[in-house]
Amino acid sequence: MSTSEHQQVPVAYKDEDFLESDDARPLRILAEYLGPLHAFHEQQISDTIVFFGSARLLPDGPLGHYYEAARELARQVTVWSNSLPTNAHRYVVCTGGGPGIMEAANRGAAEAGGKTIGLNIGLPHEQRPNPYITHRLGFEFHYFFMRKLWFAYLARALVVFPGGFGTLDELMEILTLVQTRKLDRRIPVILYGSSFWREIIDFDALVRHGLIDAEDLALFRFADEPAAAMRLLQAGIAEWTKAEEATPAIAHSHTSSD
């Protein structure tokens, strides 16, 4: 018998060739759900405030004021979160983990002494984890849909700064989930930079053409200053948490039995 025949065959969960195969794709998908779930339980993360926005909005660029606004708003959110009388970490700033607006929000939260989450994904350009993400709360995703699940799963509010295709995709995903009541709670959505958003998306035209209802325009609000955005966030969260239990629980989606 040859030496190769005596070599020990690894168990399936340690077999890298198998784990990277098409047949093991469900395991890789499940790992991108269970890994963050384990970390959030371990770190006592109850819920999040999600910041979306372009990776290209840098502090020294022509739209650098948005970077500073995101940084300041995340700082205010974190100061408020740290003041709450709970052992759980509530309203933790969560971003896509990259540069630009994502870095600004993680940075503001870190400067305020709070935990902050980065849900990164490997892309050909731009997307590299920023240095302000809390240790053990930075995650690397392969599957966009699993990353989106974690954006929505814990979110109590959403702030969307100017951005491109990715930001628009993420915004519409959350608006659709709220509109169709696929989430068990209303998520306040703040569009930061009213002039930008009114130029980019003609929401009134969608109503005029009968593609959304006029009531759908109430799913989001506009803000142009960090303090105003903070007031809208707090008011929106308070409105939809009056009937909730004092002990926070991880958000979950509706099932067919609801």
Protein backbone atom coordinates (compact mmCIF):
# COMPACT_ATOMS: atom_id res chain seq x y z
CA MET A 1 0.00 0.00 0.00
CA SER A 2 1.42 3.38 -1.00
CA THR A 3 2.05 6.24 1.37
CA SER A 4 -0.73 8.27 -0.27
CA GLU A 5 -3.23 5.54 0.59
CA HIS A 6 -2.32 5.89 4.27
CA GLN A 7 -2.93 9.65 4.31
CA GLN A 8 -5.84 10.60 6.52
CA VAL A 9 -8.87 11.98 4.70
CA PRO A 10 -10.12 15.15 6.45
CA VAL A 11 -13.62 15.30 7.87
CA ALA A 12 -15.96 17.18 5.57
CA TYR A 13 -16.08 20.39 7.62
CA LYS A 14 -12.28 20.64 7.46
CA ASP A 15 -11.99 19.70 3.79
CA GLU A 16 -11.22 23.01 2.06
CA ASP A 17 -11.72 21.58 -1.43
CA PHE A 18 -15.20 20.45 -0.47
CA LEU A 19 -16.07 23.69 1.35
CA GLU A 20 -15.17 25.71 -1.73
CA SER A 21 -17.18 23.49 -4.07
CA ASP A 22 -20.59 24.17 -5.58
CA ASP A 23 -22.11 21.43 -3.45
CA ALA A 24 -21.05 23.22 -0.26
CA ARG A 25 -22.54 26.58 -1.24
CA PRO A 26 -25.44 26.19 1.25
CA LEU A 27 -22.86 25.76 4.03
CA ARG A 28 -21.07 28.95 3.02
CA ILE A 29 -24.35 30.85 2.93
CA LEU A 30 -25.33 29.49 6.34
CA ALA A 31 -21.93 30.46 7.75
CA GLU A 32 -22.53 34.08 6.69
CA TYR A 33 -25.71 33.98 8.77
CA LEU A 34 -24.45 32.09 11.82
CA GLY A 35 -21.08 33.85 12.12
CA PRO A 36 -22.51 37.36 12.65
CA LEU A 37 -25.36 35.96 14.76
CA HIS A 38 -22.84 34.38 17.14
CA ALA A 39 -20.80 37.58 17.36
CA PHE A 40 -23.84 39.80 17.98
CA HIS A 41 -25.03 37.55 20.80
CA GLU A 42 -21.54 37.42 22.26
CA GLN A 43 -21.16 41.22 22.10
CA GLN A 44 -24.75 41.79 23.36
CA ILE A 45 -25.75 43.79 20.30
CA SER A 46 -29.49 44.31 20.44
CA ASP A 47 -30.19 46.57 17.47
CA THR A 48 -28.57 49.04 15.11
CA ILE A 49 -28.81 52.37 13.36
CA VAL A 50 -27.69 51.72 9.79
CA PHE A 51 -25.78 54.31 7.77
CA PHE A 52 -25.67 53.97 3.98
CA GLY A 53 -23.76 56.21 1.58
CA SER A 54 -21.05 56.36 -1.04
CA ALA A 55 -17.55 54.99 -0.55
CA ARG A 56 -16.38 57.89 -2.76
CA LEU A 57 -17.43 60.73 -0.45
CA LEU A 58 -14.10 61.59 1.15
CA PRO A 59 -13.48 64.34 3.74
CA ASP A 60 -11.28 66.39 1.41
CA GLY A 61 -13.50 65.99 -1.66
CA PRO A 62 -16.11 68.36 -3.13
CA LEU A 63 -18.85 66.66 -1.08
CA GLY A 64 -16.73 66.35 2.04
CA HIS A 65 -19.36 68.06 4.17
CA TYR A 66 -21.42 64.88 3.95
CA TYR A 67 -18.50 62.92 5.43
CA GLU A 68 -18.34 65.29 8.39
CA ALA A 69 -22.12 65.22 8.81
CA ALA A 70 -22.16 61.42 8.92
CA ARG A 71 -19.32 61.44 11.43
CA GLU A 72 -21.12 63.94 13.68
CA LEU A 73 -24.50 62.19 13.46
CA ALA A 74 -22.93 58.82 14.31
CA ARG A 75 -21.22 60.47 17.27
CA GLN A 76 -24.56 61.86 18.50
CA VAL A 77 -26.29 58.49 18.05
CA THR A 78 -23.56 56.76 20.04
CA VAL A 79 -23.56 59.30 22.88
CA TRP A 80 -27.32 58.79 23.16
CA SER A 81 -26.98 55.01 22.96
CA ASN A 82 -24.33 54.96 25.69
CA SER A 83 -26.63 56.94 27.99
CA LEU A 84 -29.46 54.39 27.88
CA PRO A 85 -30.09 52.33 31.06
CA THR A 86 -29.59 48.84 29.62
CA ASN A 87 -26.97 46.12 29.71
CA ALA A 88 -27.47 45.45 26.01
CA HIS A 89 -25.80 47.59 23.36
CA ARG A 90 -28.66 49.41 21.66
CA TYR A 91 -28.76 51.54 18.51
CA VAL A 92 -25.22 50.59 17.53
CA VAL A 93 -23.95 52.37 14.42
CA CYS A 94 -23.67 49.88 11.55
CA THR A 95 -22.24 50.49 8.08
CA GLY A 96 -21.02 48.62 5.05
CA GLY A 97 -17.55 48.77 6.56
CA GLY A 98 -15.73 50.53 3.72
CA PRO A 99 -14.40 54.06 3.13
CA GLY A 100 -16.32 57.29 2.53
CA ILE A 101 -19.60 57.66 4.40
CA MET A 102 -19.14 54.23 5.93
CA GLU A 103 -15.80 55.22 7.43
CA ALA A 104 -17.24 58.52 8.63
CA ALA A 105 -20.06 56.83 10.55
CA ASN A 106 -17.83 54.15 12.08
CA ARG A 107 -15.35 56.88 12.97
CA GLY A 108 -17.91 59.07 14.71
CA ALA A 109 -19.21 56.15 16.74
CA ALA A 110 -15.70 55.06 17.72
CA GLU A 111 -14.77 58.61 18.74
CA ALA A 112 -17.79 58.64 21.06
CA GLY A 113 -16.55 55.48 22.78
CA GLY A 114 -19.16 53.09 21.44
CA LYS A 115 -19.17 49.82 19.59
CA THR A 116 -19.61 50.06 15.84
CA ILE A 117 -20.26 47.43 13.17
CA GLY A 118 -18.90 46.99 9.65
CA LEU A 119 -20.54 44.59 7.19
CA ASN A 120 -17.88 44.55 4.49
CA ILE A 121 -17.99 42.79 1.15
CA GLY A 122 -15.16 42.08 -1.24
CA LEU A 123 -15.45 44.17 -4.44
CA PRO A 124 -13.01 44.91 -7.29
CA HIS A 125 -12.74 48.58 -6.29
CA GLU A 126 -13.11 50.78 -3.23
CA GLN A 127 -14.36 48.32 -0.65
CA ARG A 128 -11.72 47.80 2.02
CA PRO A 129 -12.52 47.65 5.75
CA ASN A 130 -11.98 50.97 7.49
CA PRO A 131 -9.96 51.11 10.74
CA TYR A 132 -12.78 52.35 12.99
CA ILE A 133 -14.81 49.14 13.19
CA THR A 134 -14.93 47.53 16.64
CA HIS A 135 -12.81 44.41 17.05
CA ARG A 136 -14.90 41.27 16.44
CA LEU A 137 -17.71 43.35 14.91
CA GLY A 138 -16.20 43.56 11.43
CA PHE A 139 -17.47 40.95 8.97
CA GLU A 140 -16.49 39.99 5.45
CA PHE A 141 -19.29 38.79 3.17
CA HIS A 142 -19.22 37.07 -0.18
CA TYR A 143 -22.98 37.04 -0.76
CA PHE A 144 -24.73 40.38 -1.18
CA PHE A 145 -28.06 38.96 -0.04
CA MET A 146 -26.64 37.75 3.29
CA ARG A 147 -25.06 41.13 3.86
CA LYS A 148 -28.41 42.78 3.14
CA LEU A 149 -30.13 40.44 5.57
CA TRP A 150 -27.86 41.64 8.36
CA PHE A 151 -28.45 45.28 7.47
CA ALA A 152 -32.20 44.76 7.86
CA TYR A 153 -32.22 42.15 10.63
CA LEU A 154 -31.16 44.41 13.50
CA ALA A 155 -32.02 47.83 12.08
CA ARG A 156 -34.15 50.22 14.11
CA ALA A 157 -33.50 53.16 11.82
CA LEU A 158 -31.75 53.95 8.56
CA VAL A 159 -29.83 57.07 7.52
CA VAL A 160 -29.00 57.31 3.83
CA PHE A 161 -26.39 59.77 2.62
CA PRO A 162 -25.73 60.48 -1.07
CA GLY A 163 -24.47 57.50 -3.00
CA GLY A 164 -24.49 55.60 -6.25
CA PHE A 165 -25.88 52.27 -7.41
CA GLY A 166 -25.03 50.41 -4.21
CA THR A 167 -26.59 53.02 -1.95
CA LEU A 168 -29.72 53.22 -4.11
CA ASP A 169 -30.01 49.43 -4.09
CA GLU A 170 -29.72 49.28 -0.30
CA LEU A 171 -32.20 52.13 0.20
CA MET A 172 -34.83 50.58 -2.06
CA GLU A 173 -34.38 47.19 -0.41
CA ILE A 174 -35.28 48.60 3.02
CA LEU A 175 -38.12 50.79 1.69
CA THR A 176 -39.61 47.76 -0.05
CA LEU A 177 -39.39 45.62 3.08
CA VAL A 178 -41.11 48.34 5.12
CA GLN A 179 -43.72 49.09 2.44
CA THR A 180 -44.65 45.41 2.09
CA ARG A 181 -44.53 44.86 5.86
CA LYS A 182 -41.97 42.10 5.61
CA LEU A 183 -40.34 43.49 8.76
CA ASP A 184 -42.05 43.27 12.13
CA ARG A 185 -41.41 46.93 12.90
CA ARG A 186 -41.45 50.20 11.06
CA ILE A 187 -37.93 51.47 10.36
CA PRO A 188 -37.58 55.26 10.26
CA VAL A 189 -35.70 56.16 7.08
CA ILE A 190 -33.84 59.48 6.94
CA LEU A 191 -32.59 60.73 3.57
CA TYR A 192 -29.73 63.06 4.39
CA GLY A 193 -29.21 65.86 1.87
CA SER A 194 -32.65 66.84 0.62
CA SER A 195 -31.44 68.68 -2.49
CA PHE A 196 -29.45 65.64 -3.62
CA TRP A 197 -32.27 63.16 -3.08
CA ARG A 198 -34.95 65.34 -4.67
CA GLU A 199 -32.74 65.70 -7.74
CA ILE A 200 -31.81 62.02 -7.99
CA ILE A 201 -35.26 60.51 -7.36
CA ASP A 202 -38.54 62.14 -8.33
CA PHE A 203 -40.68 60.53 -5.65
CA ASP A 204 -43.69 62.67 -6.54
CA ALA A 205 -43.54 61.37 -10.11
CA LEU A 206 -43.83 57.80 -8.82
CA VAL A 207 -47.06 58.82 -7.09
CA ARG A 208 -48.29 60.76 -10.12
CA HIS A 209 -47.81 57.73 -12.37
CA GLY A 210 -49.58 55.49 -9.88
CA LEU A 211 -46.50 53.38 -9.16
CA ILE A 212 -46.56 54.02 -5.40
CA ASP A 213 -49.27 55.36 -3.11
CA ALA A 214 -49.13 58.89 -1.75
CA GLU A 215 -48.96 57.31 1.72
CA ASP A 216 -45.65 55.69 0.77
CA LEU A 217 -44.00 59.10 0.85
CA ALA A 218 -44.40 58.94 4.64
CA LEU A 219 -41.94 56.01 4.75
CA PHE A 220 -39.02 58.44 4.76
CA ARG A 221 -38.08 61.94 5.88
CA PHE A 222 -35.43 64.42 4.77
CA ALA A 223 -32.75 66.03 6.91
CA ASP A 224 -29.96 68.51 6.17
CA GLU A 225 -28.29 68.88 9.56
CA PRO A 226 -27.05 66.21 12.02
CA ALA A 227 -29.13 67.63 14.86
CA ALA A 228 -32.31 67.53 12.75
CA ALA A 229 -31.56 63.97 11.64
CA MET A 230 -31.01 62.97 15.27
CA ARG A 231 -34.38 64.39 16.30
CA LEU A 232 -36.11 62.51 13.49
CA LEU A 233 -34.37 59.26 14.45
CA GLN A 234 -35.32 59.53 18.10
CA ALA A 235 -38.91 60.51 17.33
CA GLY A 236 -39.31 57.70 14.80
CA ILE A 237 -37.86 55.08 17.11
CA ALA A 238 -39.98 56.25 20.05
CA GLU A 239 -43.14 56.14 17.97
CA TRP A 240 -42.67 52.50 17.06
CA THR A 241 -41.33 51.17 20.37
CA LYS A 242 -44.10 52.27 22.75
CA ALA A 243 -45.67 48.83 22.80
CA GLU A 244 -42.43 46.84 22.92
CA GLU A 245 -41.09 45.02 25.93
CA ALA A 246 -38.47 46.74 28.06
CA THR A 247 -35.93 44.06 27.21
CA PRO A 248 -34.86 44.46 23.58
CA ALA A 249 -34.88 41.47 21.26
CA ILE A 250 -33.29 40.85 17.91
CA ALA A 251 -35.55 42.00 15.10
CA HIS A 252 -37.15 39.35 12.99
CA SER A 253 -39.24 39.21 9.84
CA HIS A 254 -42.86 38.24 9.51
CA THR A 255 -43.74 34.65 8.71
CA SER A 256 -46.77 33.38 6.84
CA SER A 257 -48.42 32.50 10.17
CA ASP A 258 -48.37 36.12 11.41
